[in-house]
C-alpha atoms as a PDB file:
ATOM      1  CA  UNK A   1      15.131 -22.008 -12.125  1.00  0.00           C
ATOM      2  CA  UNK A   2      13.358 -20.776 -15.243  1.00  0.00           C
ATOM      3  CA  UNK A   3      14.433 -22.272 -18.577  1.00  0.00           C
ATOM      4  CA  UNK A   4      14.943 -20.109 -21.705  1.00  0.00           C
ATOM      5  CA  UNK A   5      12.922 -21.015 -24.822  1.00  0.00           C
ATOM      6  CA  UNK A   6      16.178 -22.361 -26.290  1.00  0.00           C
ATOM      7  CA  UNK A   7      16.211 -25.067 -23.694  1.00  0.00           C
ATOM      8  CA  UNK A   8      13.166 -27.082 -24.928  1.00  0.00           C
ATOM      9  CA  UNK A   9      15.265 -30.197 -25.515  1.00  0.00           C
ATOM     10  CA  UNK A  10      16.476 -30.107 -21.910  1.00  0.00           C
ATOM     11  CA  UNK A  11      12.883 -29.732 -20.724  1.00  0.00           C
ATOM     12  CA  UNK A  12      11.968 -32.872 -22.739  1.00  0.00           C
ATOM     13  CA  UNK A  13      14.892 -34.773 -21.357  1.00  0.00           C
ATOM     14  CA  UNK A  14      14.135 -33.997 -17.719  1.00  0.00           C
ATOM     15  CA  UNK A  15      10.505 -34.633 -18.205  1.00  0.00           C
ATOM     16  CA  UNK A  16      11.386 -38.147 -19.345  1.00  0.00           C
ATOM     17  CA  UNK A  17       9.962 -37.755 -22.770  1.00  0.00           C
ATOM     18  CA  UNK A  18      13.182 -38.594 -24.406  1.00  0.00           C
ATOM     19  CA  UNK A  19      15.876 -41.008 -23.265  1.00  0.00           C
ATOM     20  CA  UNK A  20      18.945 -39.617 -21.467  1.00  0.00           C
ATOM     21  CA  UNK A  21      22.265 -40.271 -23.147  1.00  0.00           C
ATOM     22  CA  UNK A  22      23.904 -43.213 -21.244  1.00  0.00           C
ATOM     23  CA  UNK A  23      21.042 -42.927 -18.748  1.00  0.00           C
ATOM     24  CA  UNK A  24      22.301 -39.783 -17.212  1.00  0.00           C
ATOM     25  CA  UNK A  25      20.259 -36.691 -17.819  1.00  0.00           C
ATOM     26  CA  UNK A  26      22.322 -34.456 -15.489  1.00  0.00           C
ATOM     27  CA  UNK A  27      25.487 -35.341 -17.548  1.00  0.00           C
ATOM     28  CA  UNK A  28      23.757 -34.118 -20.685  1.00  0.00           C
ATOM     29  CA  UNK A  29      23.475 -30.656 -19.463  1.00  0.00           C
ATOM     30  CA  UNK A  30      26.167 -28.052 -18.529  1.00  0.00           C
ATOM     31  CA  UNK A  31      26.085 -26.767 -15.010  1.00  0.00           C
ATOM     32  CA  UNK A  32      27.650 -23.975 -12.904  1.00  0.00           C
ATOM     33  CA  UNK A  33      28.010 -23.678  -9.172  1.00  0.00           C
ATOM     34  CA  UNK A  34      26.304 -20.837  -7.382  1.00  0.00           C
ATOM     35  CA  UNK A  35      27.576 -19.001  -4.212  1.00  0.00           C
ATOM     36  CA  UNK A  36      25.873 -21.360  -1.793  1.00  0.00           C
ATOM     37  CA  UNK A  37      27.290 -24.343  -3.733  1.00  0.00           C
ATOM     38  CA  UNK A  38      23.996 -25.240  -5.357  1.00  0.00           C
ATOM     39  CA  UNK A  39      24.121 -26.288  -9.102  1.00  0.00           C
ATOM     40  CA  UNK A  40      22.319 -24.230 -11.667  1.00  0.00           C
ATOM     41  CA  UNK A  41      21.703 -25.072 -15.342  1.00  0.00           C
ATOM     42  CA  UNK A  42      24.087 -23.065 -17.577  1.00  0.00           C
ATOM     43  CA  UNK A  43      22.126 -20.810 -19.918  1.00  0.00           C
ATOM     44  CA  UNK A  44      18.991 -20.834 -17.759  1.00  0.00           C
ATOM     45  CA  UNK A  45      16.930 -17.650 -18.030  1.00  0.00           C
ATOM     46  CA  UNK A  46      16.909 -17.277 -14.300  1.00  0.00           C
ATOM     47  CA  UNK A  47      18.529 -19.226 -11.331  1.00  0.00           C
ATOM     48  CA  UNK A  48      17.556 -18.509  -7.716  1.00  0.00           C
ATOM     49  CA  UNK A  49      20.440 -19.352  -5.283  1.00  0.00           C
ATOM     50  CA  UNK A  50      18.594 -20.220  -1.957  1.00  0.00           C
ATOM     51  CA  UNK A  51      19.135 -21.680   1.402  1.00  0.00           C
ATOM     52  CA  UNK A  52      16.501 -23.959   2.745  1.00  0.00           C
ATOM     53  CA  UNK A  53      14.085 -22.154   5.087  1.00  0.00           C
ATOM     54  CA  UNK A  54      11.427 -24.657   5.601  1.00  0.00           C
ATOM     55  CA  UNK A  55      10.148 -27.976   4.139  1.00  0.00           C
ATOM     56  CA  UNK A  56       6.469 -28.778   4.293  1.00  0.00           C
ATOM     57  CA  UNK A  57       4.863 -32.116   3.552  1.00  0.00           C
ATOM     58  CA  UNK A  58       1.698 -31.496   1.507  1.00  0.00           C
ATOM     59  CA  UNK A  59      -0.010 -34.809   0.576  1.00  0.00           C
ATOM     60  CA  UNK A  60       2.415 -36.828  -1.462  1.00  0.00           C
ATOM     61  CA  UNK A  61       4.621 -33.739  -2.042  1.00  0.00           C
ATOM     62  CA  UNK A  62       7.429 -31.963  -0.268  1.00  0.00           C
ATOM     63  CA  UNK A  63       7.374 -28.199  -0.660  1.00  0.00           C
ATOM     64  CA  UNK A  64      10.706 -26.581  -0.228  1.00  0.00           C
ATOM     65  CA  UNK A  65      10.686 -22.901   0.840  1.00  0.00           C
ATOM     66  CA  UNK A  66      13.921 -21.008   0.364  1.00  0.00           C
ATOM     67  CA  UNK A  67      15.522 -17.795   1.354  1.00  0.00           C
ATOM     68  CA  UNK A  68      16.942 -16.302  -1.754  1.00  0.00           C
ATOM     69  CA  UNK A  69      20.542 -15.367  -1.501  1.00  0.00           C
ATOM     70  CA  UNK A  70      21.168 -14.391  -5.046  1.00  0.00           C
ATOM     71  CA  UNK A  71      19.631 -14.340  -8.440  1.00  0.00           C
ATOM     72  CA  UNK A  72      21.541 -15.158 -11.648  1.00  0.00           C
ATOM     73  CA  UNK A  73      19.855 -13.849 -14.813  1.00  0.00           C
ATOM     74  CA  UNK A  74      20.578 -14.951 -18.377  1.00  0.00           C
ATOM     75  CA  UNK A  75      19.310 -13.704 -21.778  1.00  0.00           C
ATOM     76  CA  UNK A  76      16.317 -14.740 -23.831  1.00  0.00           C
ATOM     77  CA  UNK A  77      12.728 -15.483 -23.463  1.00  0.00           C
ATOM     78  CA  UNK A  78      11.046 -17.935 -21.053  1.00  0.00           C
ATOM     79  CA  UNK A  79      10.208 -21.518 -22.029  1.00  0.00           C
ATOM     80  CA  UNK A  80       6.474 -21.848 -21.683  1.00  0.00           C
ATOM     81  CA  UNK A  81       4.674 -25.174 -21.442  1.00  0.00           C
ATOM     82  CA  UNK A  82       0.800 -25.236 -21.203  1.00  0.00           C
ATOM     83  CA  UNK A  83      -1.920 -27.661 -22.303  1.00  0.00           C
ATOM     84  CA  UNK A  84       0.620 -30.322 -23.261  1.00  0.00           C
ATOM     85  CA  UNK A  85       2.541 -28.012 -25.550  1.00  0.00           C
ATOM     86  CA  UNK A  86       5.115 -25.408 -25.839  1.00  0.00           C
ATOM     87  CA  UNK A  87       4.385 -21.866 -26.734  1.00  0.00           C
ATOM     88  CA  UNK A  88       6.109 -18.476 -26.836  1.00  0.00           C
ATOM     89  CA  UNK A  89       5.560 -15.222 -24.830  1.00  0.00           C
ATOM     90  CA  UNK A  90       4.377 -12.499 -26.984  1.00  0.00           C
ATOM     91  CA  UNK A  91       5.432  -8.959 -25.945  1.00  0.00           C
ATOM     92  CA  UNK A  92       2.748  -6.342 -25.840  1.00  0.00           C
ATOM     93  CA  UNK A  93       3.566  -3.200 -27.833  1.00  0.00           C
ATOM     94  CA  UNK A  94       2.772   0.149 -26.491  1.00  0.00           C
ATOM     95  CA  UNK A  95       1.321   2.674 -28.914  1.00  0.00           C
ATOM     96  CA  UNK A  96       2.130   6.382 -28.601  1.00  0.00           C
ATOM     97  CA  UNK A  97      -0.822   8.421 -27.198  1.00  0.00           C
END
């Protein structure tokens, strides 16, 4: 899932930087159900509906590899987090030749 730049507060909430209302961060967001039954954040810029193809243990992590069944696309610009801060994507303008 790719968050839109309007979902910064949700990013902060799920990163644990702000307390979740009533201790339930999932209850603080609005969700929709995709074709496979997977939940997706309402208003996300992109949500990938996948079935699990493979799970790989890599050190202390589990890497999930999915077969994409459907893509749900929203509107807006992506939320960008880099070097401990949020930024914006600048669109490059094409000048006439």
